[in-house]
């Protein structure tokens, strides 16, 4: 597995993971995924986990995957293993990667609520690698897992910290980490 193939998956998953923060001011689909339901007296996910974030994150992941496919086929010819196949397969694969990254975040949020953490409070290292773990599980389920993908945990942790810091600099995030 080449380094640029690893980068492709990280880029698709990373943009999906960042998108909900970037679209939070849109009113479109601003409904909590848990439907305001509680389990054992505690909200399942909370108000910050919306259909808007999930749908937009998956759509941006699909657009990113298709753009990378076009670049790899016509501009910089690279044999990108994750982007093998036709455009329909890339659309499905990118949607799966994006959805897996966001579902990893949803599952982490579920557990944060169970242990009594308030939304927005940092839970290191889980806040930094939840999206990566979701993608790794997706790759295992789809039979595309490679042991080199475990580098994602380290790289994903570092990328998350850098992106949060940049978001703080541009006043998108309220705190650096």
Protein backbone atom coordinates (compact mmCIF):
# COMPACT_ATOMS: atom_id res chain seq x y z
CA UNK A 1 0.00 0.00 0.00
CA UNK A 2 1.46 3.33 -1.05
CA UNK A 3 1.59 6.46 1.10
CA UNK A 4 -0.64 8.31 -1.34
CA UNK A 5 -3.27 5.59 -1.12
CA UNK A 6 -3.27 6.08 2.65
CA UNK A 7 -3.55 9.82 2.07
CA UNK A 8 -6.61 9.37 -0.17
CA UNK A 9 -8.58 7.60 2.55
CA UNK A 10 -7.46 10.11 5.18
CA UNK A 11 -8.46 13.04 2.97
CA UNK A 12 -11.93 11.63 2.23
CA UNK A 13 -12.55 10.74 5.88
CA UNK A 14 -11.00 13.94 7.17
CA UNK A 15 -13.16 16.28 5.08
CA UNK A 16 -16.24 14.32 6.11
CA UNK A 17 -15.23 14.68 9.75
CA UNK A 18 -14.64 18.45 9.41
CA UNK A 19 -17.77 19.26 7.44
CA UNK A 20 -20.34 19.28 10.30
CA UNK A 21 -18.43 22.07 12.04
CA UNK A 22 -18.27 24.10 8.82
CA UNK A 23 -22.01 23.79 8.05
CA UNK A 24 -23.38 24.27 11.56
CA UNK A 25 -24.85 27.68 10.71
CA UNK A 26 -27.04 26.28 7.92
CA UNK A 27 -30.65 25.74 8.91
CA UNK A 28 -31.12 22.88 6.43
CA UNK A 29 -31.72 19.52 8.17
CA UNK A 30 -30.96 21.03 11.58
CA UNK A 31 -32.56 18.12 13.44
CA UNK A 32 -30.79 16.02 16.04
CA UNK A 33 -30.09 12.48 14.90
CA UNK A 34 -31.37 11.05 18.17
CA UNK A 35 -34.71 12.85 17.74
CA UNK A 36 -34.33 14.35 21.25
CA UNK A 37 -34.60 10.84 22.72
CA UNK A 38 -33.04 9.82 26.00
CA UNK A 39 -31.78 6.48 27.22
CA UNK A 40 -31.63 5.85 30.96
CA UNK A 41 -32.38 9.51 31.58
CA UNK A 42 -29.59 10.91 29.36
CA UNK A 43 -29.83 12.16 25.79
CA UNK A 44 -28.61 9.51 23.36
CA UNK A 45 -26.35 11.84 21.36
CA UNK A 46 -27.26 15.47 22.06
CA UNK A 47 -28.22 18.49 19.97
CA UNK A 48 -24.84 18.88 18.27
CA UNK A 49 -25.21 15.64 16.28
CA UNK A 50 -27.55 16.62 13.44
CA UNK A 51 -28.78 15.18 10.18
CA UNK A 52 -27.34 18.29 8.51
CA UNK A 53 -23.82 17.36 9.64
CA UNK A 54 -24.18 13.72 8.65
CA UNK A 55 -25.70 14.37 5.21
CA UNK A 56 -23.34 17.25 4.37
CA UNK A 57 -20.33 15.26 5.59
CA UNK A 58 -21.19 12.31 3.37
CA UNK A 59 -21.91 14.59 0.37
CA UNK A 60 -18.57 16.36 0.79
CA UNK A 61 -16.80 12.98 1.11
CA UNK A 62 -18.40 11.83 -2.16
CA UNK A 63 -17.39 15.04 -3.95
CA UNK A 64 -13.86 14.72 -2.57
CA UNK A 65 -13.56 11.09 -3.66
CA UNK A 66 -14.83 11.88 -7.15
CA UNK A 67 -12.48 14.87 -7.44
CA UNK A 68 -9.51 12.73 -6.34
CA UNK A 69 -10.51 10.06 -8.88
CA UNK A 70 -10.58 12.65 -11.68
CA UNK A 71 -7.21 14.06 -10.59
CA UNK A 72 -5.65 10.60 -10.36
CA UNK A 73 -7.00 9.55 -13.77
CA UNK A 74 -6.42 12.67 -15.84
CA UNK A 75 -4.06 15.13 -14.16
CA UNK A 76 -1.54 13.31 -11.95
CA UNK A 77 -1.69 9.71 -13.05
CA UNK A 78 -1.29 7.70 -9.85
CA UNK A 79 -2.39 4.12 -9.24
CA UNK A 80 -4.50 4.98 -6.21
CA UNK A 81 -5.65 1.65 -4.82
CA UNK A 82 -8.63 3.07 -2.88
CA UNK A 83 -9.94 4.68 -6.07
CA UNK A 84 -9.90 1.60 -8.25
CA UNK A 85 -13.02 0.96 -10.27
CA UNK A 86 -15.53 3.14 -12.01
CA UNK A 87 -17.14 6.35 -10.88
CA UNK A 88 -20.19 4.63 -9.36
CA UNK A 89 -17.92 2.44 -7.23
CA UNK A 90 -15.91 5.51 -6.15
CA UNK A 91 -19.15 7.28 -5.25
CA UNK A 92 -20.21 4.34 -3.07
CA UNK A 93 -16.76 3.90 -1.54
CA UNK A 94 -16.39 7.61 -0.72
CA UNK A 95 -19.89 7.70 0.77
CA UNK A 96 -19.00 4.67 2.90
CA UNK A 97 -15.75 6.23 4.10
CA UNK A 98 -17.48 9.53 4.92
CA UNK A 99 -20.37 7.84 6.68
CA UNK A 100 -18.01 5.57 8.64
CA UNK A 101 -15.97 8.55 9.85
CA UNK A 102 -19.11 10.31 11.07
CA UNK A 103 -20.64 7.19 12.61
CA UNK A 104 -17.39 6.71 14.54
CA UNK A 105 -17.95 10.20 15.95
CA UNK A 106 -21.60 9.39 16.78
CA UNK A 107 -20.63 6.23 18.65
CA UNK A 108 -18.02 8.14 20.65
CA UNK A 109 -20.65 10.78 21.50
CA UNK A 110 -22.99 8.05 22.71
CA UNK A 111 -20.32 6.81 25.13
CA UNK A 112 -19.45 10.36 26.24
CA UNK A 113 -23.08 10.85 27.27
CA UNK A 114 -23.07 7.51 29.11
CA UNK A 115 -20.13 8.53 31.30
CA UNK A 116 -21.61 11.98 31.97
CA UNK A 117 -19.36 14.16 29.82
CA UNK A 118 -20.99 17.33 28.58
CA UNK A 119 -21.06 18.02 24.81
CA UNK A 120 -18.00 19.94 23.68
CA UNK A 121 -15.76 18.75 26.53
CA UNK A 122 -12.58 17.18 25.19
CA UNK A 123 -12.12 13.44 25.67
CA UNK A 124 -8.54 12.71 24.67
CA UNK A 125 -7.68 10.52 22.71
CA UNK A 126 -11.18 9.45 21.65
CA UNK A 127 -12.24 12.82 20.21
CA UNK A 128 -9.17 12.72 17.99
CA UNK A 129 -9.41 9.16 16.65
CA UNK A 130 -13.15 8.34 16.65
CA UNK A 131 -13.44 9.08 12.92
CA UNK A 132 -10.37 6.97 12.15
CA UNK A 133 -11.70 4.00 14.13
CA UNK A 134 -15.00 4.26 12.23
CA UNK A 135 -13.11 4.15 8.91
CA UNK A 136 -10.92 1.23 10.01
CA UNK A 137 -14.04 -0.77 10.93
CA UNK A 138 -15.55 0.09 7.52
CA UNK A 139 -12.38 -1.09 5.77
CA UNK A 140 -12.42 -4.36 7.72
CA UNK A 141 -16.11 -4.97 6.91
CA UNK A 142 -15.60 -4.24 3.19
CA UNK A 143 -12.48 -6.41 2.96
CA UNK A 144 -10.22 -3.48 2.07
CA UNK A 145 -8.28 -3.40 5.32
CA UNK A 146 -4.49 -3.38 5.20
CA UNK A 147 -2.33 -3.51 8.34
CA UNK A 148 -0.59 -0.34 7.15
CA UNK A 149 -3.88 1.46 7.81
CA UNK A 150 -3.14 1.28 11.53
CA UNK A 151 -0.89 4.27 10.85
CA UNK A 152 -4.20 6.14 10.57
CA UNK A 153 -4.52 6.14 14.34
CA UNK A 154 -1.31 8.10 14.80
CA UNK A 155 -1.70 10.28 11.71
CA UNK A 156 -5.40 10.88 12.40
CA UNK A 157 -4.66 11.94 15.97
CA UNK A 158 -2.08 14.46 14.79
CA UNK A 159 -4.23 15.74 11.93
CA UNK A 160 -7.16 16.28 14.26
CA UNK A 161 -5.05 18.40 16.59
CA UNK A 162 -3.65 20.48 13.71
CA UNK A 163 -7.09 21.03 12.15
CA UNK A 164 -8.60 22.02 15.53
CA UNK A 165 -5.79 24.51 16.05
CA UNK A 166 -6.30 26.00 12.56
CA UNK A 167 -10.05 26.20 13.24
CA UNK A 168 -9.30 28.05 16.47
CA UNK A 169 -7.02 30.49 14.59
CA UNK A 170 -9.81 31.25 12.09
CA UNK A 171 -12.38 31.46 14.90
CA UNK A 172 -14.35 28.45 13.63
CA UNK A 173 -13.56 26.56 16.84
CA UNK A 174 -13.93 28.08 20.32
CA UNK A 175 -10.86 26.34 21.75
CA UNK A 176 -7.60 25.11 20.23
CA UNK A 177 -7.85 21.52 21.51
